[in-house]
C-alpha atoms as a PDB file:
ATOM      1  CA  MET A   1      80.225 -32.440 -65.332  1.00  0.00           C
ATOM      2  CA  LYS A   2      78.416 -30.009 -66.488  1.00  0.00           C
ATOM      3  CA  LYS A   3      75.837 -30.161 -63.664  1.00  0.00           C
ATOM      4  CA  ILE A   4      78.539 -30.008 -61.178  1.00  0.00           C
ATOM      5  CA  VAL A   5      79.582 -26.950 -62.869  1.00  0.00           C
ATOM      6  CA  TYR A   6      76.253 -25.187 -63.169  1.00  0.00           C
ATOM      7  CA  LEU A   7      75.558 -26.393 -59.613  1.00  0.00           C
ATOM      8  CA  SER A   8      78.667 -24.801 -58.192  1.00  0.00           C
ATOM      9  CA  VAL A   9      78.461 -21.263 -59.983  1.00  0.00           C
ATOM     10  CA  LEU A  10      74.536 -20.923 -59.281  1.00  0.00           C
ATOM     11  CA  LEU A  11      75.438 -21.708 -55.453  1.00  0.00           C
ATOM     12  CA  CYS A  12      78.477 -19.309 -55.312  1.00  0.00           C
ATOM     13  CA  GLY A  13      76.333 -16.702 -56.824  1.00  0.00           C
ATOM     14  CA  MET A  14      73.895 -16.842 -54.224  1.00  0.00           C
ATOM     15  CA  TYR A  15      76.128 -16.839 -51.912  1.00  0.00           C
ATOM     16  CA  VAL A  16      77.809 -13.697 -53.254  1.00  0.00           C
ATOM     17  CA  SER A  17      74.405 -12.071 -53.290  1.00  0.00           C
ATOM     18  CA  GLY A  18      73.432 -13.420 -49.845  1.00  0.00           C
ATOM     19  CA  GLN A  19      76.777 -11.430 -48.609  1.00  0.00           C
ATOM     20  CA  LYS A  20      75.468  -8.323 -50.471  1.00  0.00           C
ATOM     21  CA  SER A  21      72.262  -8.342 -49.389  1.00  0.00           C
ATOM     22  CA  TYR A  22      73.429  -8.847 -45.506  1.00  0.00           C
ATOM     23  CA  GLN A  23      76.349  -5.767 -46.152  1.00  0.00           C
ATOM     24  CA  GLN A  24      73.351  -3.554 -47.346  1.00  0.00           C
ATOM     25  CA  TYR A  25      70.812  -4.788 -44.290  1.00  0.00           C
ATOM     26  CA  LYS A  26      74.002  -4.241 -41.786  1.00  0.00           C
ATOM     27  CA  GLN A  27      74.349  -0.702 -43.374  1.00  0.00           C
ATOM     28  CA  GLU A  28      71.180   0.278 -43.081  1.00  0.00           C
ATOM     29  CA  ARG A  29      70.681  -0.593 -39.928  1.00  0.00           C
ATOM     30  CA  GLU A  30      73.604   1.383 -38.665  1.00  0.00           C
ATOM     31  CA  TYR A  31      72.275   4.356 -40.566  1.00  0.00           C
ATOM     32  CA  SER A  32      69.097   3.770 -38.896  1.00  0.00           C
ATOM     33  CA  GLN A  33      70.622   3.589 -35.227  1.00  0.00           C
ATOM     34  CA  ARG A  34      72.984   6.930 -35.761  1.00  0.00           C
ATOM     35  CA  TYR A  35      69.748   8.609 -37.086  1.00  0.00           C
ATOM     36  CA  ALA A  36      67.653   7.533 -34.172  1.00  0.00           C
ATOM     37  CA  ASN A  37      70.869   8.604 -31.575  1.00  0.00           C
ATOM     38  CA  GLU A  38      70.553  11.878 -33.183  1.00  0.00           C
ATOM     39  CA  GLN A  39      66.931  12.155 -33.136  1.00  0.00           C
ATOM     40  CA  LYS A  40      67.048  11.346 -29.458  1.00  0.00           C
ATOM     41  CA  GLN A  41      70.052  13.761 -28.861  1.00  0.00           C
ATOM     42  CA  GLN A  42      68.240  16.494 -30.415  1.00  0.00           C
ATOM     43  CA  PHE A  43      65.394  15.754 -28.039  1.00  0.00           C
ATOM     44  CA  TYR A  44      66.719  16.088 -24.998  1.00  0.00           C
ATOM     45  CA  LYS A  45      68.795  19.509 -26.258  1.00  0.00           C
ATOM     46  CA  ASP A  46      65.447  20.954 -27.252  1.00  0.00           C
ATOM     47  CA  VAL A  47      64.076  19.560 -23.343  1.00  0.00           C
ATOM     48  CA  GLU A  48      66.902  21.329 -21.858  1.00  0.00           C
ATOM     49  CA  LEU A  49      66.217  24.731 -24.194  1.00  0.00           C
ATOM     50  CA  SER A  50      62.719  24.564 -23.175  1.00  0.00           C
ATOM     51  CA  ILE A  51      63.393  24.030 -19.427  1.00  0.00           C
ATOM     52  CA  SER A  52      65.440  26.976 -19.558  1.00  0.00           C
ATOM     53  CA  LYS A  53      62.903  28.963 -21.136  1.00  0.00           C
ATOM     54  CA  TYR A  54      60.396  28.209 -18.504  1.00  0.00           C
ATOM     55  CA  ASN A  55      62.372  28.873 -15.782  1.00  0.00           C
ATOM     56  CA  THR A  56      63.111  32.345 -17.608  1.00  0.00           C
ATOM     57  CA  LEU A  57      59.305  32.933 -17.875  1.00  0.00           C
ATOM     58  CA  VAL A  58      58.334  31.684 -14.374  1.00  0.00           C
ATOM     59  CA  ASN A  59      60.779  33.752 -13.048  1.00  0.00           C
ATOM     60  CA  GLN A  60      59.430  36.621 -14.683  1.00  0.00           C
ATOM     61  CA  TYR A  61      55.967  35.742 -14.051  1.00  0.00           C
ATOM     62  CA  VAL A  62      56.442  35.455 -10.110  1.00  0.00           C
ATOM     63  CA  ALA A  63      58.296  38.558  -9.956  1.00  0.00           C
ATOM     64  CA  LEU A  64      55.079  40.507 -11.740  1.00  0.00           C
ATOM     65  CA  VAL A  65      52.766  38.523  -9.620  1.00  0.00           C
ATOM     66  CA  LYS A  66      54.575  39.536  -6.775  1.00  0.00           C
ATOM     67  CA  LYS A  67      54.597  42.888  -7.791  1.00  0.00           C
ATOM     68  CA  HIS A  68      51.167  43.426  -8.555  1.00  0.00           C
ATOM     69  CA  LYS A  69      49.893  41.080  -5.680  1.00  0.00           C
ATOM     70  CA  SER A  70      47.344  39.419  -8.120  1.00  0.00           C
ATOM     71  CA  ARG A  71      47.789  36.228 -10.572  1.00  0.00           C
ATOM     72  CA  ASN A  72      44.787  37.187 -12.775  1.00  0.00           C
ATOM     73  CA  TYR A  73      45.735  40.614 -13.272  1.00  0.00           C
ATOM     74  CA  VAL A  74      49.472  38.970 -14.580  1.00  0.00           C
ATOM     75  CA  TYR A  75      47.700  36.065 -16.759  1.00  0.00           C
ATOM     76  CA  ASN A  76      45.198  38.994 -18.244  1.00  0.00           C
ATOM     77  CA  ASN A  77      47.765  42.261 -19.010  1.00  0.00           C
ATOM     78  CA  PHE A  78      51.027  39.945 -19.654  1.00  0.00           C
ATOM     79  CA  PRO A  79      50.203  37.314 -22.549  1.00  0.00           C
ATOM     80  CA  LYS A  80      53.523  37.105 -23.813  1.00  0.00           C
ATOM     81  CA  ILE A  81      54.522  35.800 -20.457  1.00  0.00           C
ATOM     82  CA  SER A  82      51.739  33.365 -19.154  1.00  0.00           C
ATOM     83  CA  LYS A  83      50.937  31.901 -22.591  1.00  0.00           C
ATOM     84  CA  PRO A  84      54.561  30.365 -23.401  1.00  0.00           C
ATOM     85  CA  MET A  85      55.074  29.726 -20.070  1.00  0.00           C
ATOM     86  CA  PHE A  86      51.898  27.317 -19.802  1.00  0.00           C
ATOM     87  CA  ASP A  87      52.831  25.901 -23.710  1.00  0.00           C
ATOM     88  CA  ILE A  88      56.031  25.002 -22.623  1.00  0.00           C
ATOM     89  CA  GLN A  89      54.701  23.420 -19.503  1.00  0.00           C
ATOM     90  CA  TYR A  90      51.588  21.096 -21.392  1.00  0.00           C
ATOM     91  CA  ARG A  91      54.711  20.447 -24.004  1.00  0.00           C
ATOM     92  CA  ILE A  92      57.230  18.960 -21.739  1.00  0.00           C
ATOM     93  CA  GLN A  93      54.032  16.985 -19.321  1.00  0.00           C
ATOM     94  CA  ALA A  94      53.034  15.546 -23.042  1.00  0.00           C
ATOM     95  CA  ASN A  95      56.684  13.934 -23.709  1.00  0.00           C
ATOM     96  CA  TRP A  96      56.923  13.444 -19.924  1.00  0.00           C
ATOM     97  CA  ASN A  97      57.835   9.537 -20.571  1.00  0.00           C
ATOM     98  CA  TYR A  98      60.615  10.452 -22.886  1.00  0.00           C
ATOM     99  CA  ILE A  99      62.537  12.952 -20.867  1.00  0.00           C
ATOM    100  CA  THR A 100      65.350  12.051 -18.676  1.00  0.00           C
ATOM    101  CA  TYR A 101      65.225  11.967 -14.700  1.00  0.00           C
ATOM    102  CA  ASP A 102      67.534  14.891 -14.385  1.00  0.00           C
ATOM    103  CA  GLN A 103      65.464  16.731 -16.902  1.00  0.00           C
ATOM    104  CA  SER A 104      62.188  16.271 -14.977  1.00  0.00           C
ATOM    105  CA  LYS A 105      64.087  17.072 -11.230  1.00  0.00           C
ATOM    106  CA  ARG A 106      64.830  20.278 -12.591  1.00  0.00           C
ATOM    107  CA  PHE A 107      61.657  21.079 -14.257  1.00  0.00           C
ATOM    108  CA  ASP A 108      59.505  19.982 -11.177  1.00  0.00           C
ATOM    109  CA  GLU A 109      61.654  22.691  -9.204  1.00  0.00           C
ATOM    110  CA  ILE A 110      60.912  25.246 -11.262  1.00  0.00           C
ATOM    111  CA  ARG A 111      56.765  24.347 -11.537  1.00  0.00           C
ATOM    112  CA  HIS A 112      57.492  24.355  -7.862  1.00  0.00           C
ATOM    113  CA  LYS A 113      57.930  27.777  -7.774  1.00  0.00           C
ATOM    114  CA  TYR A 114      55.061  28.417  -9.872  1.00  0.00           C
ATOM    115  CA  LEU A 115      52.480  26.135  -7.781  1.00  0.00           C
ATOM    116  CA  VAL A 116      53.743  28.254  -4.541  1.00  0.00           C
ATOM    117  CA  ILE A 117      52.898  31.568  -6.071  1.00  0.00           C
ATOM    118  CA  LEU A 118      49.466  29.997  -6.649  1.00  0.00           C
ATOM    119  CA  ASP A 119      48.909  29.055  -2.988  1.00  0.00           C
ATOM    120  CA  GLU A 120      50.015  32.117  -1.933  1.00  0.00           C
ATOM    121  CA  TYR A 121      48.162  34.798  -4.423  1.00  0.00           C
ATOM    122  CA  GLY A 122      45.169  32.418  -5.483  1.00  0.00           C
ATOM    123  CA  ASP A 123      42.628  35.090  -6.573  1.00  0.00           C
END
């Protein structure tokens, strides 16, 4: 009879321990999913800000190239516009597989303005 009582206490203890472990696992999984979702949302916000900044810089670059009629002149004399523009462009293209379709479409439209200027004022 003692063996049955000890065995039942042991099984109950294992069951309770297993339930605690499962609850802890479930809680950690929910936390990691929430954290991953927050990181993804923050990434998309950062990409949106980068695309907006890129649009502003491309518009300034296009205006200056049209004004001075030289792409190299603008590149050499306005590094505060051209260098960040290229940095943002490379950063977005490096993360191309992770951005949304709408973001990639907007980026392509903005980049098209830049490429038209390259064709028009190729030095």
